[in-house]
Protein backbone atom coordinates (compact mmCIF):
# COMPACT_ATOMS: atom_id res chain seq x y z
CA PHE A 1 -1.32 -7.58 -7.38
CA ARG A 2 2.11 -6.49 -6.18
CA SER A 3 3.97 -9.81 -5.73
CA PHE A 4 0.85 -11.77 -4.75
CA LEU A 5 -1.73 -13.63 -6.78
CA VAL A 6 -5.31 -12.76 -5.83
CA ALA A 7 -8.30 -15.08 -6.24
CA LEU A 8 -11.88 -13.81 -6.06
CA ASN A 9 -15.19 -15.67 -5.66
CA VAL A 10 -13.57 -19.06 -5.05
CA SER A 11 -14.75 -22.61 -4.43
CA LYS A 12 -13.35 -24.94 -1.78
CA ALA A 13 -14.06 -28.66 -2.10
CA GLY A 14 -16.84 -27.82 -4.57
CA VAL A 15 -18.52 -25.31 -2.24
CA PRO A 16 -18.77 -21.76 -3.67
CA TYR A 17 -17.60 -18.89 -1.46
CA THR A 18 -18.82 -16.00 -3.61
CA ARG A 19 -17.68 -13.26 -1.19
CA LEU A 20 -14.20 -14.67 -0.44
CA VAL A 21 -10.89 -13.04 -1.37
CA LYS A 22 -7.74 -15.19 -1.20
CA TRP A 23 -4.12 -14.21 -1.75
CA SER A 24 -1.05 -16.35 -2.24
CA HIS A 25 2.32 -16.21 -0.54
CA GLU A 26 4.60 -13.67 -2.23
CA ALA A 27 6.32 -14.87 -5.37
CA ALA A 28 9.11 -13.52 -7.52
CA THR A 29 8.20 -12.07 -10.92
CA GLN A 30 7.22 -14.82 -13.38
CA ALA A 31 7.29 -17.42 -10.57
CA VAL A 32 4.52 -19.56 -9.14
CA PRO A 33 3.69 -18.84 -5.47
CA SER A 34 4.87 -21.53 -3.07
CA SER A 35 1.61 -21.60 -1.11
CA TRP A 36 -2.04 -20.53 -0.86
CA ASP A 37 -2.38 -22.05 2.63
CA GLU A 38 -3.98 -19.37 4.81
CA THR A 39 -3.57 -21.55 7.92
CA SER A 40 0.24 -21.70 7.74
CA SER A 41 2.15 -19.31 9.98
CA THR A 42 5.26 -19.58 7.79
CA VAL A 43 3.74 -17.95 4.68
CA ASP A 44 1.87 -14.70 3.93
CA ALA A 45 -1.09 -16.36 2.20
CA GLY A 46 -4.50 -15.44 3.55
CA GLU A 47 -8.17 -14.97 2.93
CA TYR A 48 -10.91 -12.52 3.87
CA GLU A 49 -14.67 -12.61 3.39
CA LEU A 50 -16.34 -9.41 2.19
CA ALA A 51 -19.52 -10.07 4.17
CA ASP A 52 -20.90 -6.53 4.66
CA THR A 53 -23.16 -6.99 1.62
CA SER A 54 -24.78 -10.13 0.24
CA GLY A 55 -23.69 -9.78 -3.42
CA LYS A 56 -21.07 -11.99 -4.99
CA ILE A 57 -17.66 -10.78 -6.15
CA VAL A 58 -17.66 -10.32 -9.92
CA ASP A 59 -14.36 -8.60 -10.72
CA GLY A 60 -11.18 -6.95 -9.45
CA MET A 61 -8.53 -4.64 -10.85
CA ALA A 62 -5.50 -2.74 -9.59
CA LEU A 63 -5.83 1.02 -9.22
CA GLY A 64 -2.49 2.52 -8.31
CA ASP A 65 -1.31 0.91 -5.05
CA THR A 66 -4.82 -0.39 -4.28
CA PHE A 67 -6.63 -3.46 -5.56
CA MET A 68 -10.30 -2.68 -6.15
CA ILE A 69 -12.81 -5.49 -5.67
CA TYR A 70 -16.17 -5.18 -7.37
CA LYS A 71 -19.17 -7.07 -6.08
CA GLU A 72 -22.65 -7.00 -7.62
CA ASP A 73 -23.77 -4.56 -4.94
CA SER A 74 -20.67 -2.88 -3.49
CA ILE A 75 -17.04 -1.89 -3.99
CA TYR A 76 -14.08 -2.62 -1.70
CA SER A 77 -10.45 -1.56 -1.68
CA MET A 78 -7.62 -3.90 -0.68
CA GLN A 79 -4.31 -2.34 0.39
CA PHE A 80 -1.03 -3.91 1.37
CA VAL A 81 -0.25 -3.24 5.07
CA GLY A 82 2.39 -5.89 5.75
CA THR A 83 2.79 -8.40 8.56
CA PRO A 84 0.80 -9.71 10.35
CA PHE A 85 -2.37 -8.83 8.39
CA ILE A 86 -0.79 -8.46 4.92
CA PHE A 87 -3.86 -6.71 3.43
CA ALA A 88 -6.48 -4.32 4.82
CA PHE A 89 -9.97 -4.13 3.35
CA ARG A 90 -12.28 -1.12 3.26
CA GLN A 91 -15.75 -0.81 1.86
CA LEU A 92 -15.79 2.11 -0.58
CA SER A 93 -19.45 1.91 -1.57
CA PRO A 94 -22.21 -0.17 0.04
CA THR A 95 -24.65 0.39 -2.85
CA VAL A 96 -22.69 0.65 -6.15
CA GLY A 97 -21.25 -2.45 -7.79
CA SER A 98 -20.33 -3.91 -11.16
CA LEU A 99 -23.05 -5.36 -13.39
CA SER A 100 -20.97 -8.45 -14.22
CA LYS A 101 -17.45 -9.67 -14.95
CA ASN A 102 -15.45 -7.46 -17.37
CA CYS A 103 -17.64 -4.41 -16.66
CA VAL A 104 -14.72 -2.33 -15.33
CA GLY A 105 -12.15 -0.48 -17.43
CA GLU A 106 -9.09 1.52 -16.40
CA PHE A 107 -8.16 5.01 -17.58
CA GLU A 108 -5.97 7.81 -16.17
CA ASP A 109 -5.70 6.29 -12.65
CA LYS A 110 -9.45 5.76 -12.47
CA HIS A 111 -11.94 3.00 -13.18
CA PHE A 112 -15.01 3.23 -15.38
CA ILE A 113 -17.75 0.95 -14.03
CA PHE A 114 -20.75 -0.42 -15.91
CA GLY A 115 -22.98 -0.81 -12.86
CA ASN A 116 -26.46 -2.03 -12.19
CA GLY A 117 -28.54 0.98 -13.23
CA ASP A 118 -25.80 3.53 -13.95
CA MET A 119 -22.23 4.13 -15.16
CA TYR A 120 -19.67 5.34 -12.64
CA VAL A 121 -16.12 6.59 -12.29
CA CYS A 122 -14.07 5.50 -9.28
CA ASP A 123 -10.78 7.11 -8.27
CA GLY A 124 -10.15 4.81 -5.29
CA ARG A 125 -11.62 7.28 -2.80
CA GLN A 126 -15.07 8.04 -4.21
CA VAL A 127 -17.54 6.74 -6.77
CA LYS A 128 -19.32 9.23 -9.02
CA SER A 129 -22.28 8.72 -11.36
CA ILE A 130 -21.58 10.05 -14.88
CA LEU A 131 -24.77 9.49 -16.88
CA PRO A 132 -27.48 12.11 -17.30
CA HIS A 133 -30.92 10.85 -16.26
CA LYS A 134 -32.25 10.50 -19.84
CA MET A 135 -29.24 8.49 -21.02
CA ARG A 136 -29.38 6.23 -17.94
CA ASP A 137 -33.09 5.55 -18.59
CA TYR A 138 -32.41 4.84 -22.28
CA VAL A 139 -29.54 2.40 -21.75
CA PHE A 140 -31.01 0.47 -18.84
CA GLY A 141 -34.47 0.50 -20.38
CA ASN A 142 -33.09 -1.26 -23.46
CA ILE A 143 -30.76 -3.86 -21.93
CA ASN A 144 -31.88 -7.47 -22.25
CA GLY A 145 -32.03 -8.41 -18.56
CA ASP A 146 -31.65 -12.12 -19.33
CA GLU A 147 -28.30 -11.44 -21.03
CA TYR A 148 -26.80 -8.95 -18.54
CA GLU A 149 -23.78 -11.21 -17.91
CA LYS A 150 -22.66 -10.62 -21.53
CA CYS A 151 -22.19 -6.89 -20.87
CA PHE A 152 -18.60 -5.65 -20.90
CA VAL A 153 -16.46 -2.51 -20.98
CA ALA A 154 -13.89 -1.92 -23.73
CA PRO A 155 -11.47 1.02 -23.43
CA ASP A 156 -10.38 2.87 -26.59
CA TYR A 157 -7.29 4.71 -25.35
CA GLY A 158 -6.57 6.38 -28.70
CA ALA A 159 -9.98 8.05 -28.71
CA THR A 160 -10.05 8.53 -24.87
CA GLU A 161 -13.31 6.57 -24.74
CA MET A 162 -14.93 3.80 -22.75
CA TRP A 163 -17.41 1.57 -24.55
CA ALA A 164 -20.08 -0.01 -22.34
CA CYS A 165 -21.38 -2.84 -24.55
CA TYR A 166 -24.69 -4.61 -23.99
CA VAL A 167 -27.34 -6.86 -25.54
CA THR A 168 -30.58 -5.04 -26.38
CA SER A 169 -34.05 -6.39 -25.70
CA GLY A 170 -35.40 -8.30 -28.67
CA ASN A 171 -31.95 -9.11 -30.08
CA ALA A 172 -32.38 -12.64 -31.47
CA SER A 173 -28.63 -13.37 -31.55
CA ALA A 174 -28.23 -12.62 -27.80
CA GLN A 175 -24.88 -10.96 -28.58
CA CYS A 176 -23.84 -7.42 -27.68
CA ASP A 177 -25.22 -5.11 -30.35
CA LYS A 178 -25.11 -1.64 -28.75
CA ALA A 179 -22.64 0.42 -26.76
CA LEU A 180 -22.77 3.57 -24.73
CA VAL A 181 -19.60 5.49 -25.61
CA TRP A 182 -18.21 7.89 -22.99
CA ASN A 183 -15.24 10.19 -23.56
CA TRP A 184 -13.29 10.85 -20.35
CA ILE A 185 -11.74 14.09 -21.63
CA ASN A 186 -14.95 15.96 -22.53
CA ASN A 187 -17.40 13.86 -20.43
């Protein structure tokens, strides 16, 4: 993001820190950052724990000049503010999150989110539910809960569609076999 590398849901010495965001020192394009040491006063590397909610970080994606961080149970924005803090963090939603990794897709300066119990659109300022009640009940009533981590979002930019792919209950192969297809032009 920008000229920094960002790490989400990291481990230190074998200990998982599922709510931790780390960023490297700035690096030139196509170069490796010189440091990830958040304790050094000579570099811009740092870390921040998103501790307002208990869920773990599952994904992150740039949205304009903001980096959006998706936890299981909430959404945060990360914006560059410069020295001495480098980045500022703001909770955008304390209740909406991403179902699992790869359940966020980008389109027209927005994110489509396959969440836990609904599908959402986020523009960086607000999160909006997009599914009618019947469709929400159908999709989430048919997902194989044991295989939720296999869910993913696949954008089809040519057709202006987002595909929210999932494994249905009773599917013996345990592979994604259905998709909710949402067109962002005609909703």
